[in-house]
Amino acid sequence: MPVEDGDEITAGNTVIKVLHTPGHTPEHISLVVTDRARGDEPWFVLTGHTLMVGDVGRTELASEKEVGAGQLHASLFTKILQLPDEIEVYPGAYSGSVCGRSLSGKPSSTIGFEGKYNKALRIKEKDRFVSFMTENIPEPPEGFQDIRAYNSGHRKDRP
């Protein structure tokens, strides 16, 4: 089902709020999850490749690197980092993935811990952040264009 920024999906006591968080890809979303049986505040966020433990997502595989980096900066600083510090972060990748440069092997974190220790998140000024994200970019993964086409629905068979 198509979703838009701010949409909420309710499943019993669980509410999932959609945040459009472009940067890694233009259509990227993060999902903020609240368990109303436990309280009215969010419990955790599924960040995909917007925010990962120790790093943030690459920005050049689905758009121009500067454009993606600018979008990622806005997604991080106006949406993700506005969540309370205690919110648990569950990313889409961790150490070993080619989607970040200094990913931790730890599969989860919190908004507060990442805000304090994640190198990319300590660069608050947009121009400096874009420069940081567009330097020392690793080689693209083999077949990334096919993977991107499949993930975007433009290719039906798995690469």
Protein backbone atom coordinates (compact mmCIF):
# COMPACT_ATOMS: atom_id res chain seq x y z
CA MET A 1 0.00 0.00 0.00
CA PRO A 2 1.42 3.41 -0.85
CA VAL A 3 2.31 5.59 2.13
CA GLU A 4 3.22 9.23 2.61
CA ASP A 5 5.17 11.18 5.19
CA GLY A 6 3.21 11.34 8.44
CA ASP A 7 0.84 8.45 7.65
CA GLU A 8 0.03 6.20 10.58
CA ILE A 9 -0.80 2.52 10.35
CA THR A 10 -2.54 0.95 13.33
CA ALA A 11 -2.33 -2.77 14.09
CA GLY A 12 -3.97 -3.49 17.43
CA ASN A 13 -2.01 -1.62 20.10
CA THR A 14 0.83 -0.85 17.71
CA VAL A 15 1.02 2.38 15.73
CA ILE A 16 3.57 2.77 12.93
CA LYS A 17 4.27 6.32 11.79
CA VAL A 18 5.85 6.78 8.37
CA LEU A 19 8.68 9.31 8.02
CA HIS A 20 9.86 10.09 4.51
CA THR A 21 13.64 10.16 5.01
CA PRO A 22 15.29 10.59 1.61
CA GLY A 23 19.05 10.63 1.21
CA HIS A 24 20.18 7.04 0.81
CA THR A 25 17.46 6.83 -1.85
CA PRO A 26 14.89 9.47 -2.82
CA GLU A 27 11.96 7.27 -1.74
CA HIS A 28 13.46 6.02 1.52
CA ILE A 29 11.24 5.84 4.62
CA SER A 30 11.78 5.22 8.32
CA LEU A 31 9.12 3.76 10.59
CA VAL A 32 8.52 5.04 14.12
CA VAL A 33 6.80 2.39 16.23
CA THR A 34 4.66 3.00 19.31
CA ASP A 35 3.20 0.26 21.49
CA ARG A 36 0.13 1.91 23.04
CA ALA A 37 -0.14 -0.93 25.56
CA ARG A 38 3.14 0.38 27.00
CA GLY A 39 2.61 4.12 26.54
CA ASP A 40 1.89 6.94 24.14
CA GLU A 41 5.54 7.69 23.31
CA PRO A 42 7.41 5.95 20.48
CA TRP A 43 9.37 2.85 21.41
CA PHE A 44 11.73 2.37 18.46
CA VAL A 45 12.47 3.45 14.91
CA LEU A 46 13.32 1.29 11.90
CA THR A 47 15.75 3.54 10.04
CA GLY A 48 16.78 1.36 7.09
CA HIS A 49 19.90 3.00 5.69
CA THR A 50 19.15 6.54 6.84
CA LEU A 51 20.78 6.07 10.25
CA MET A 52 22.86 3.04 11.11
CA VAL A 53 24.96 2.22 14.15
CA GLY A 54 28.16 4.21 13.74
CA ASP A 55 27.36 5.79 10.38
CA VAL A 56 24.69 6.96 7.97
CA GLY A 57 23.74 5.63 4.54
CA ARG A 58 25.61 6.26 1.33
CA THR A 59 24.04 8.93 -0.83
CA GLU A 60 25.44 8.38 -4.33
CA LEU A 61 23.95 5.07 -5.43
CA ALA A 62 20.46 6.36 -6.28
CA SER A 63 21.00 10.07 -6.98
CA GLU A 64 23.72 12.65 -7.41
CA LYS A 65 25.93 12.38 -4.33
CA GLU A 66 25.53 16.04 -3.30
CA VAL A 67 21.74 15.94 -3.76
CA GLY A 68 21.45 12.74 -1.72
CA ALA A 69 23.74 14.11 0.99
CA GLY A 70 21.66 17.28 1.29
CA GLN A 71 18.47 15.25 1.54
CA LEU A 72 20.04 12.93 4.10
CA HIS A 73 21.11 15.90 6.22
CA ALA A 74 17.53 17.20 6.28
CA SER A 75 16.13 13.73 7.05
CA LEU A 76 18.52 13.22 9.94
CA PHE A 77 18.44 16.65 11.54
CA THR A 78 14.78 17.59 11.02
CA LYS A 79 13.18 14.17 11.55
CA ILE A 80 15.27 11.34 12.99
CA LEU A 81 17.23 13.37 15.54
CA GLN A 82 14.03 15.08 16.69
CA LEU A 83 12.97 11.78 18.25
CA PRO A 84 13.66 11.35 21.99
CA ASP A 85 17.17 10.17 22.93
CA GLU A 86 15.90 6.93 24.46
CA ILE A 87 14.27 5.71 21.24
CA GLU A 88 15.88 2.49 20.06
CA VAL A 89 17.34 2.52 16.53
CA TYR A 90 17.10 -0.59 14.36
CA PRO A 91 18.90 -0.01 11.05
CA GLY A 92 18.77 -1.99 7.83
CA ALA A 93 22.48 -2.85 7.87
CA TYR A 94 25.48 -3.17 10.13
CA SER A 95 29.16 -4.05 9.92
CA GLY A 96 30.03 -5.78 6.66
CA SER A 97 27.50 -3.86 4.57
CA VAL A 98 28.75 -1.70 1.72
CA CYS A 99 26.06 0.90 2.49
CA GLY A 100 28.15 2.71 5.10
CA ARG A 101 31.79 3.50 5.77
CA SER A 102 32.25 2.89 9.50
CA LEU A 103 29.38 0.67 10.55
CA SER A 104 29.41 -1.01 13.94
CA GLY A 105 28.81 -4.72 14.37
CA LYS A 106 26.19 -3.86 16.98
CA PRO A 107 22.76 -4.34 15.40
CA SER A 108 20.95 -1.59 17.36
CA SER A 109 21.53 1.63 19.26
CA THR A 110 19.58 4.65 20.51
CA ILE A 111 19.01 8.13 19.12
CA GLY A 112 20.97 9.63 22.02
CA PHE A 113 23.99 7.35 21.67
CA GLU A 114 24.20 7.89 17.92
CA GLY A 115 23.77 11.64 18.33
CA LYS A 116 26.72 11.67 20.71
CA TYR A 117 29.11 9.21 19.03
CA ASN A 118 28.20 8.88 15.33
CA LYS A 119 30.78 10.92 13.36
CA ALA A 120 28.32 11.99 10.68
CA LEU A 121 25.78 13.23 13.21
CA ARG A 122 28.33 15.47 14.90
CA ILE A 123 28.53 17.53 11.68
CA LYS A 124 25.45 19.69 12.03
CA GLU A 125 26.20 22.31 9.35
CA LYS A 126 24.73 21.22 6.03
CA ASP A 127 27.67 22.27 3.81
CA ARG A 128 30.21 20.45 6.01
CA PHE A 129 27.94 17.39 6.18
CA VAL A 130 27.62 17.27 2.38
CA SER A 131 31.41 17.56 2.04
CA PHE A 132 31.92 14.77 4.58
CA MET A 133 29.44 12.49 2.80
CA THR A 134 30.99 13.08 -0.63
CA GLU A 135 34.60 12.34 0.40
CA ASN A 136 36.24 8.92 0.53
CA ILE A 137 33.30 7.16 -1.11
CA PRO A 138 33.93 3.43 -1.44
CA GLU A 139 33.53 1.61 -4.73
CA PRO A 140 29.89 0.84 -5.56
CA PRO A 141 28.84 -2.76 -4.92
CA GLU A 142 28.83 -5.07 -7.92
CA GLY A 143 25.42 -5.11 -9.60
CA PHE A 144 24.06 -2.21 -7.56
CA GLN A 145 22.11 -0.86 -10.56
CA ASP A 146 20.26 -4.18 -10.91
CA ILE A 147 19.59 -4.27 -7.17
CA ARG A 148 18.31 -0.69 -7.30
CA ALA A 149 16.02 -1.53 -10.24
CA TYR A 150 14.63 -4.56 -8.40
CA ASN A 151 14.10 -2.62 -5.15
CA SER A 152 12.34 0.14 -7.10
CA GLY A 153 9.97 -2.31 -8.79
CA HIS A 154 11.44 -1.71 -12.24
CA ARG A 155 12.77 -5.25 -12.47
CA LYS A 156 10.75 -8.31 -11.48
CA ASP A 157 13.48 -10.97 -11.30
CA ARG A 158 15.96 -10.88 -8.45
CA PRO A 159 19.49 -9.87 -9.43
